[in-house]
PDB file of N, CA and C in Angstrom:
ATOM      1  N   MET A   1      17.349  30.802  29.782  1.00  0.00           N
ATOM      2  CA  MET A   1      16.897  29.457  30.052  1.00  0.00           C
ATOM      3  C   MET A   1      15.582  29.170  29.350  1.00  0.00           C
ATOM      4  N   ARG A   2      14.699  30.137  29.262  1.00  0.00           N
ATOM      5  CA  ARG A   2      13.409  29.942  28.607  1.00  0.00           C
ATOM      6  C   ARG A   2      13.582  29.655  27.120  1.00  0.00           C
ATOM      7  N   VAL A   3      14.532  30.349  26.508  1.00  0.00           N
ATOM      8  CA  VAL A   3      14.759  30.155  25.074  1.00  0.00           C
ATOM      9  C   VAL A   3      15.217  28.729  24.813  1.00  0.00           C
ATOM     10  N   ARG A   4      16.087  28.216  25.659  1.00  0.00           N
ATOM     11  CA  ARG A   4      16.594  26.855  25.494  1.00  0.00           C
ATOM     12  C   ARG A   4      15.449  25.842  25.587  1.00  0.00           C
ATOM     13  N   GLN A   5      14.524  26.028  26.510  1.00  0.00           N
ATOM     14  CA  GLN A   5      13.385  25.118  26.641  1.00  0.00           C
ATOM     15  C   GLN A   5      12.520  25.148  25.376  1.00  0.00           C
ATOM     16  N   TRP A   6      12.286  26.336  24.852  1.00  0.00           N
ATOM     17  CA  TRP A   6      11.464  26.439  23.638  1.00  0.00           C
ATOM     18  C   TRP A   6      12.153  25.783  22.445  1.00  0.00           C
ATOM     19  N   VAL A   7      13.466  25.939  22.366  1.00  0.00           N
ATOM     20  CA  VAL A   7      14.219  25.310  21.272  1.00  0.00           C
ATOM     21  C   VAL A   7      14.147  23.792  21.398  1.00  0.00           C
ATOM     22  N   LEU A   8      14.351  23.271  22.599  1.00  0.00           N
ATOM     23  CA  LEU A   8      14.295  21.820  22.805  1.00  0.00           C
ATOM     24  C   LEU A   8      12.893  21.277  22.548  1.00  0.00           C
ATOM     25  N   ARG A   9      11.870  22.003  22.961  1.00  0.00           N
ATOM     26  CA  ARG A   9      10.494  21.573  22.683  1.00  0.00           C
ATOM     27  C   ARG A   9      10.213  21.604  21.184  1.00  0.00           C
ATOM     28  N   GLY A  10      10.731  22.608  20.509  1.00  0.00           N
ATOM     29  CA  GLY A  10      10.556  22.688  19.060  1.00  0.00           C
ATOM     30  C   GLY A  10      11.218  21.528  18.338  1.00  0.00           C
ATOM     31  N   ILE A  11      12.429  21.190  18.780  1.00  0.00           N
ATOM     32  CA  ILE A  11      13.138  20.049  18.179  1.00  0.00           C
ATOM     33  C   ILE A  11      12.390  18.751  18.457  1.00  0.00           C
ATOM     34  N   ALA A  12      11.910  18.584  19.674  1.00  0.00           N
ATOM     35  CA  ALA A  12      11.144  17.375  20.019  1.00  0.00           C
ATOM     36  C   ALA A  12       9.867  17.289  19.191  1.00  0.00           C
ATOM     37  N   ALA A  13       9.194  18.412  19.021  1.00  0.00           N
ATOM     38  CA  ALA A  13       7.967  18.416  18.221  1.00  0.00           C
ATOM     39  C   ALA A  13       8.269  18.089  16.761  1.00  0.00           C
ATOM     40  N   ALA A  14       9.371  18.606  16.240  1.00  0.00           N
ATOM     41  CA  ALA A  14       9.751  18.318  14.848  1.00  0.00           C
ATOM     42  C   ALA A  14      10.045  16.834  14.661  1.00  0.00           C
ATOM     43  N   TRP A  15      10.755  16.233  15.613  1.00  0.00           N
ATOM     44  CA  TRP A  15      11.038  14.803  15.540  1.00  0.00           C
ATOM     45  C   TRP A  15       9.760  13.977  15.641  1.00  0.00           C
ATOM     46  N   PHE A  16       8.861  14.395  16.498  1.00  0.00           N
ATOM     47  CA  PHE A  16       7.586  13.691  16.647  1.00  0.00           C
ATOM     48  C   PHE A  16       6.789  13.751  15.349  1.00  0.00           C
ATOM     49  N   ILE A  17       6.707  14.926  14.748  1.00  0.00           N
ATOM     50  CA  ILE A  17       5.964  15.086  13.492  1.00  0.00           C
ATOM     51  C   ILE A  17       6.613  14.268  12.381  1.00  0.00           C
ATOM     52  N   ALA A  18       7.951  14.257  12.325  1.00  0.00           N
ATOM     53  CA  ALA A  18       8.652  13.461  11.316  1.00  0.00           C
ATOM     54  C   ALA A  18       8.362  11.968  11.502  1.00  0.00           C
ATOM     55  N   GLY A  19       8.327  11.509  12.750  1.00  0.00           N
ATOM     56  CA  GLY A  19       8.022  10.101  13.014  1.00  0.00           C
ATOM     57  C   GLY A  19       6.609   9.735  12.624  1.00  0.00           C
ATOM     58  N   VAL A  20       5.661  10.606  12.928  1.00  0.00           N
ATOM     59  CA  VAL A  20       4.270  10.353  12.554  1.00  0.00           C
ATOM     60  C   VAL A  20       4.131  10.300  11.034  1.00  0.00           C
ATOM     61  N   CYS A  21       4.801  11.209  10.333  1.00  0.00           N
ATOM     62  CA  CYS A  21       4.739  11.209   8.869  1.00  0.00           C
ATOM     63  C   CYS A  21       5.341   9.930   8.287  1.00  0.00           C
ATOM     64  N   ALA A  22       6.442   9.461   8.867  1.00  0.00           N
ATOM     65  CA  ALA A  22       7.069   8.223   8.399  1.00  0.00           C
ATOM     66  C   ALA A  22       6.133   7.035   8.606  1.00  0.00           C
ATOM     67  N   LEU A  23       5.496   6.965   9.758  1.00  0.00           N
ATOM     68  CA  LEU A  23       4.561   5.870  10.022  1.00  0.00           C
ATOM     69  C   LEU A  23       3.351   5.939   9.097  1.00  0.00           C
ATOM     70  N   MET A  24       2.886   7.144   8.808  1.00  0.00           N
ATOM     71  CA  MET A  24       1.756   7.288   7.889  1.00  0.00           C
ATOM     72  C   MET A  24       2.140   6.816   6.495  1.00  0.00           C
ATOM     73  N   GLY A  25       3.370   7.098   6.078  1.00  0.00           N
ATOM     74  CA  GLY A  25       3.840   6.641   4.769  1.00  0.00           C
ATOM     75  C   GLY A  25       3.842   5.132   4.668  1.00  0.00           C
ATOM     76  N   VAL A  26       4.282   4.475   5.731  1.00  0.00           N
ATOM     77  CA  VAL A  26       4.281   3.010   5.761  1.00  0.00           C
ATOM     78  C   VAL A  26       2.850   2.486   5.703  1.00  0.00           C
ATOM     79  N   GLY A  27       1.967   3.113   6.450  1.00  0.00           N
ATOM     80  CA  GLY A  27       0.567   2.687   6.452  1.00  0.00           C
ATOM     81  C   GLY A  27      -0.086   2.848   5.095  1.00  0.00           C
ATOM     82  N   VAL A  28       0.233   3.921   4.411  1.00  0.00           N
ATOM     83  CA  VAL A  28      -0.326   4.146   3.072  1.00  0.00           C
ATOM     84  C   VAL A  28       0.171   3.072   2.114  1.00  0.00           C
ATOM     85  N   MET A  29       1.448   2.721   2.194  1.00  0.00           N
ATOM     86  CA  MET A  29       1.992   1.682   1.310  1.00  0.00           C
ATOM     87  C   MET A  29       1.324   0.333   1.575  1.00  0.00           C
ATOM     88  N   GLN A  30       1.110   0.007   2.842  1.00  0.00           N
ATOM     89  CA  GLN A  30       0.446  -1.253   3.179  1.00  0.00           C
ATOM     90  C   GLN A  30      -0.994  -1.254   2.661  1.00  0.00           C
ATOM     91  N   ALA A  31      -1.679  -0.149   2.811  1.00  0.00           N
ATOM     92  CA  ALA A  31      -3.065  -0.051   2.335  1.00  0.00           C
ATOM     93  C   ALA A  31      -3.124  -0.191   0.823  1.00  0.00           C
ATOM     94  N   LYS A  32      -2.199   0.454   0.113  1.00  0.00           N
ATOM     95  CA  LYS A  32      -2.179   0.349  -1.350  1.00  0.00           C
ATOM     96  C   LYS A  32      -1.910  -1.090  -1.789  1.00  0.00           C
ATOM     97  N   ALA A  33      -1.024  -1.780  -1.084  1.00  0.00           N
ATOM     98  CA  ALA A  33      -0.724  -3.170  -1.429  1.00  0.00           C
ATOM     99  C   ALA A  33      -1.944  -4.055  -1.219  1.00  0.00           C
ATOM    100  N   GLN A  34      -2.666  -3.857  -0.138  1.00  0.00           N
ATOM    101  CA  GLN A  34      -3.863  -4.661   0.124  1.00  0.00           C
ATOM    102  C   GLN A  34      -4.944  -4.395  -0.914  1.00  0.00           C
ATOM    103  N   VAL A  35      -5.143  -3.127  -1.257  1.00  0.00           N
ATOM    104  CA  VAL A  35      -6.158  -2.784  -2.264  1.00  0.00           C
ATOM    105  C   VAL A  35      -5.768  -3.361  -3.623  1.00  0.00           C
ATOM    106  N   ALA A  36      -4.487  -3.304  -3.974  1.00  0.00           N
ATOM    107  CA  ALA A  36      -4.038  -3.857  -5.251  1.00  0.00           C
ATOM    108  C   ALA A  36      -4.280  -5.364  -5.312  1.00  0.00           C
ATOM    109  N   GLN A  37      -4.000  -6.082  -4.230  1.00  0.00           N
ATOM    110  CA  GLN A  37      -4.243  -7.520  -4.218  1.00  0.00           C
ATOM    111  C   GLN A  37      -5.730  -7.820  -4.392  1.00  0.00           C
ATOM    112  N   TRP A  38      -6.561  -7.038  -3.754  1.00  0.00           N
ATOM    113  CA  TRP A  38      -8.003  -7.237  -3.877  1.00  0.00           C
ATOM    114  C   TRP A  38      -8.459  -6.961  -5.311  1.00  0.00           C
ATOM    115  N   LEU A  39      -7.950  -5.889  -5.923  1.00  0.00           N
ATOM    116  CA  LEU A  39      -8.347  -5.555  -7.293  1.00  0.00           C
ATOM    117  C   LEU A  39      -7.872  -6.605  -8.297  1.00  0.00           C
ATOM    118  N   VAL A  40      -6.668  -7.129  -8.109  1.00  0.00           N
ATOM    119  CA  VAL A  40      -6.160  -8.167  -9.012  1.00  0.00           C
ATOM    120  C   VAL A  40      -7.002  -9.433  -8.879  1.00  0.00           C
ATOM    121  N   ALA A  41      -7.329  -9.822  -7.653  1.00  0.00           N
ATOM    122  CA  ALA A  41      -8.163 -11.015  -7.459  1.00  0.00           C
ATOM    123  C   ALA A  41      -9.542 -10.819  -8.077  1.00  0.00           C
ATOM    124  N   ARG A  42     -10.097  -9.628  -7.919  1.00  0.00           N
ATOM    125  CA  ARG A  42     -11.414  -9.337  -8.488  1.00  0.00           C
ATOM    126  C   ARG A  42     -11.371  -9.366 -10.020  1.00  0.00           C
ATOM    127  N   SER A  43     -10.313  -8.811 -10.606  1.00  0.00           N
ATOM    128  CA  SER A  43     -10.221  -8.819 -12.072  1.00  0.00           C
ATOM    129  C   SER A  43      -9.977 -10.234 -12.595  1.00  0.00           C
ATOM    130  N   TRP A  44      -9.269 -11.072 -11.806  1.00  0.00           N
ATOM    131  CA  TRP A  44      -9.075 -12.465 -12.219  1.00  0.00           C
ATOM    132  C   TRP A  44     -10.427 -13.183 -12.296  1.00  0.00           C
ATOM    133  N   GLU A  45     -11.226 -13.042 -11.250  1.00  0.00           N
ATOM    134  CA  GLU A  45     -12.532 -13.698 -11.236  1.00  0.00           C
ATOM    135  C   GLU A  45     -13.421 -13.185 -12.368  1.00  0.00           C
ATOM    136  N   ALA A  46     -13.428 -11.881 -12.594  1.00  0.00           N
ATOM    137  CA  ALA A  46     -14.242 -11.311 -13.675  1.00  0.00           C
ATOM    138  C   ALA A  46     -13.718 -11.754 -15.038  1.00  0.00           C
ATOM    139  N   GLY A  47     -12.398 -11.870 -15.172  1.00  0.00           N
ATOM    140  CA  GLY A  47     -11.814 -12.320 -16.435  1.00  0.00           C
ATOM    141  C   GLY A  47     -12.129 -13.769 -16.729  1.00  0.00           C
ATOM    142  N   VAL A  48     -12.156 -14.602 -15.703  1.00  0.00           N
ATOM    143  CA  VAL A  48     -12.514 -16.013 -15.891  1.00  0.00           C
ATOM    144  C   VAL A  48     -13.959 -16.117 -16.376  1.00  0.00           C
ATOM    145  N   GLN A  49     -14.840 -15.318 -15.780  1.00  0.00           N
ATOM    146  CA  GLN A  49     -16.240 -15.355 -16.193  1.00  0.00           C
ATOM    147  C   GLN A  49     -16.428 -14.770 -17.588  1.00  0.00           C
ATOM    148  N   ALA A  50     -15.667 -13.732 -17.929  1.00  0.00           N
ATOM    149  CA  ALA A  50     -15.816 -13.083 -19.236  1.00  0.00           C
ATOM    150  C   ALA A  50     -15.086 -13.851 -20.334  1.00  0.00           C
ATOM    151  N   GLY A  51     -14.101 -14.659 -19.967  1.00  0.00           N
ATOM    152  CA  GLY A  51     -13.366 -15.419 -20.956  1.00  0.00           C
ATOM    153  C   GLY A  51     -12.246 -14.632 -21.611  1.00  0.00           C
ATOM    154  N   GLU A  52     -11.882 -13.495 -21.060  1.00  0.00           N
ATOM    155  CA  GLU A  52     -10.780 -12.689 -21.607  1.00  0.00           C
ATOM    156  C   GLU A  52     -10.073 -11.969 -20.456  1.00  0.00           C
ATOM    157  N   PRO A  53      -8.782 -11.663 -20.634  1.00  0.00           N
ATOM    158  CA  PRO A  53      -8.061 -10.963 -19.570  1.00  0.00           C
ATOM    159  C   PRO A  53      -8.580  -9.534 -19.372  1.00  0.00           C
ATOM    160  N   LEU A  54      -8.689  -9.119 -18.125  1.00  0.00           N
ATOM    161  CA  LEU A  54      -9.161  -7.782 -17.799  1.00  0.00           C
ATOM    162  C   LEU A  54      -8.120  -7.044 -16.968  1.00  0.00           C
ATOM    163  N   SER A  55      -8.141  -5.720 -17.037  1.00  0.00           N
ATOM    164  CA  SER A  55      -7.244  -4.899 -16.227  1.00  0.00           C
ATOM    165  C   SER A  55      -7.779  -4.786 -14.804  1.00  0.00           C
ATOM    166  N   PRO A  56      -6.881  -4.799 -13.808  1.00  0.00           N
ATOM    167  CA  PRO A  56      -7.342  -4.662 -12.422  1.00  0.00           C
ATOM    168  C   PRO A  56      -7.941  -3.289 -12.126  1.00  0.00           C
ATOM    169  N   TRP A  57      -7.430  -2.228 -12.762  1.00  0.00           N
ATOM    170  CA  TRP A  57      -7.963  -0.875 -12.597  1.00  0.00           C
ATOM    171  C   TRP A  57      -7.856  -0.178 -13.940  1.00  0.00           C
ATOM    172  N   PRO A  58      -8.645   0.843 -14.181  1.00  0.00           N
ATOM    173  CA  PRO A  58      -8.741   1.452 -15.524  1.00  0.00           C
ATOM    174  C   PRO A  58      -7.425   1.956 -16.108  1.00  0.00           C
ATOM    175  N   TRP A  59      -6.511   2.501 -15.332  1.00  0.00           N
ATOM    176  CA  TRP A  59      -5.284   3.060 -15.868  1.00  0.00           C
ATOM    177  C   TRP A  59      -4.130   2.054 -15.872  1.00  0.00           C
ATOM    178  N   SER A  60      -4.417   0.803 -15.607  1.00  0.00           N
ATOM    179  CA  SER A  60      -3.387  -0.229 -15.572  1.00  0.00           C
ATOM    180  C   SER A  60      -2.969  -0.625 -16.984  1.00  0.00           C
ATOM    181  N   ASP A  61      -1.650  -0.804 -17.185  1.00  0.00           N
ATOM    182  CA  ASP A  61      -1.128  -1.263 -18.469  1.00  0.00           C
ATOM    183  C   ASP A  61      -1.150  -2.783 -18.561  1.00  0.00           C
ATOM    184  N   ALA A  62      -1.317  -3.459 -17.453  1.00  0.00           N
ATOM    185  CA  ALA A  62      -1.234  -4.914 -17.408  1.00  0.00           C
ATOM    186  C   ALA A  62      -2.620  -5.533 -17.319  1.00  0.00           C
ATOM    187  N   LYS A  63      -2.678  -6.789 -17.727  1.00  0.00           N
ATOM    188  CA  LYS A  63      -3.898  -7.566 -17.593  1.00  0.00           C
ATOM    189  C   LYS A  63      -3.546  -8.852 -16.850  1.00  0.00           C
ATOM    190  N   VAL A  64      -4.479  -9.345 -16.075  1.00  0.00           N
ATOM    191  CA  VAL A  64      -4.257 -10.576 -15.318  1.00  0.00           C
ATOM    192  C   VAL A  64      -4.485 -11.745 -16.268  1.00  0.00           C
ATOM    193  N   VAL A  65      -3.420 -12.506 -16.537  1.00  0.00           N
ATOM    194  CA  VAL A  65      -3.524 -13.618 -17.494  1.00  0.00           C
ATOM    195  C   VAL A  65      -3.260 -14.975 -16.863  1.00  0.00           C
ATOM    196  N   ALA A  66      -2.740 -15.012 -15.649  1.00  0.00           N
ATOM    197  CA  ALA A  66      -2.452 -16.291 -15.006  1.00  0.00           C
ATOM    198  C   ALA A  66      -2.595 -16.140 -13.503  1.00  0.00           C
ATOM    199  N   ARG A  67      -2.811 -17.266 -12.866  1.00  0.00           N
ATOM    200  CA  ARG A  67      -2.903 -17.279 -11.404  1.00  0.00           C
ATOM    201  C   ARG A  67      -1.824 -18.206 -10.873  1.00  0.00           C
ATOM    202  N   LEU A  68      -1.096 -17.755  -9.882  1.00  0.00           N
ATOM    203  CA  LEU A  68      -0.027 -18.532  -9.296  1.00  0.00           C
ATOM    204  C   LEU A  68      -0.459 -19.017  -7.928  1.00  0.00           C
ATOM    205  N   ASP A  69      -0.518 -20.311  -7.745  1.00  0.00           N
ATOM    206  CA  ASP A  69      -0.838 -20.905  -6.453  1.00  0.00           C
ATOM    207  C   ASP A  69       0.391 -21.624  -5.943  1.00  0.00           C
ATOM    208  N   MET A  70       0.664 -21.460  -4.655  1.00  0.00           N
ATOM    209  CA  MET A  70       1.799 -22.126  -4.052  1.00  0.00           C
ATOM    210  C   MET A  70       1.318 -23.085  -2.977  1.00  0.00           C
ATOM    211  N   VAL A  71       1.900 -24.254  -2.937  1.00  0.00           N
ATOM    212  CA  VAL A  71       1.558 -25.253  -1.949  1.00  0.00           C
ATOM    213  C   VAL A  71       2.682 -25.274  -0.904  1.00  0.00           C
ATOM    214  N   GLU A  72       2.291 -25.224   0.350  1.00  0.00           N
ATOM    215  CA  GLU A  72       3.303 -25.289   1.413  1.00  0.00           C
ATOM    216  C   GLU A  72       3.739 -26.728   1.607  1.00  0.00           C
ATOM    217  N   LEU A  73       5.038 -26.905   1.684  1.00  0.00           N
ATOM    218  CA  LEU A  73       5.590 -28.230   1.951  1.00  0.00           C
ATOM    219  C   LEU A  73       5.863 -28.351   3.438  1.00  0.00           C
ATOM    220  N   SER A  74       5.427 -29.436   4.044  1.00  0.00           N
ATOM    221  CA  SER A  74       5.619 -29.594   5.486  1.00  0.00           C
ATOM    222  C   SER A  74       6.981 -30.106   5.814  1.00  0.00           C
TER     223      SER A  74
END
């Protein structure tokens, strides 16, 4: 009976750890998306002041060349 309890606790702990890792992965993706939006906005403002397109981060292959604004229709 003791072995069965340890096995069930081990399985429960493994599922718990897997769930925490999955949630951390989602959180990391959300954080990266927020940081990317901030960097793109910052490079847009700096590019407007400099008069030329700039990269949002040093290893980026892209440059911010346009800004898209959307108007909500009521």
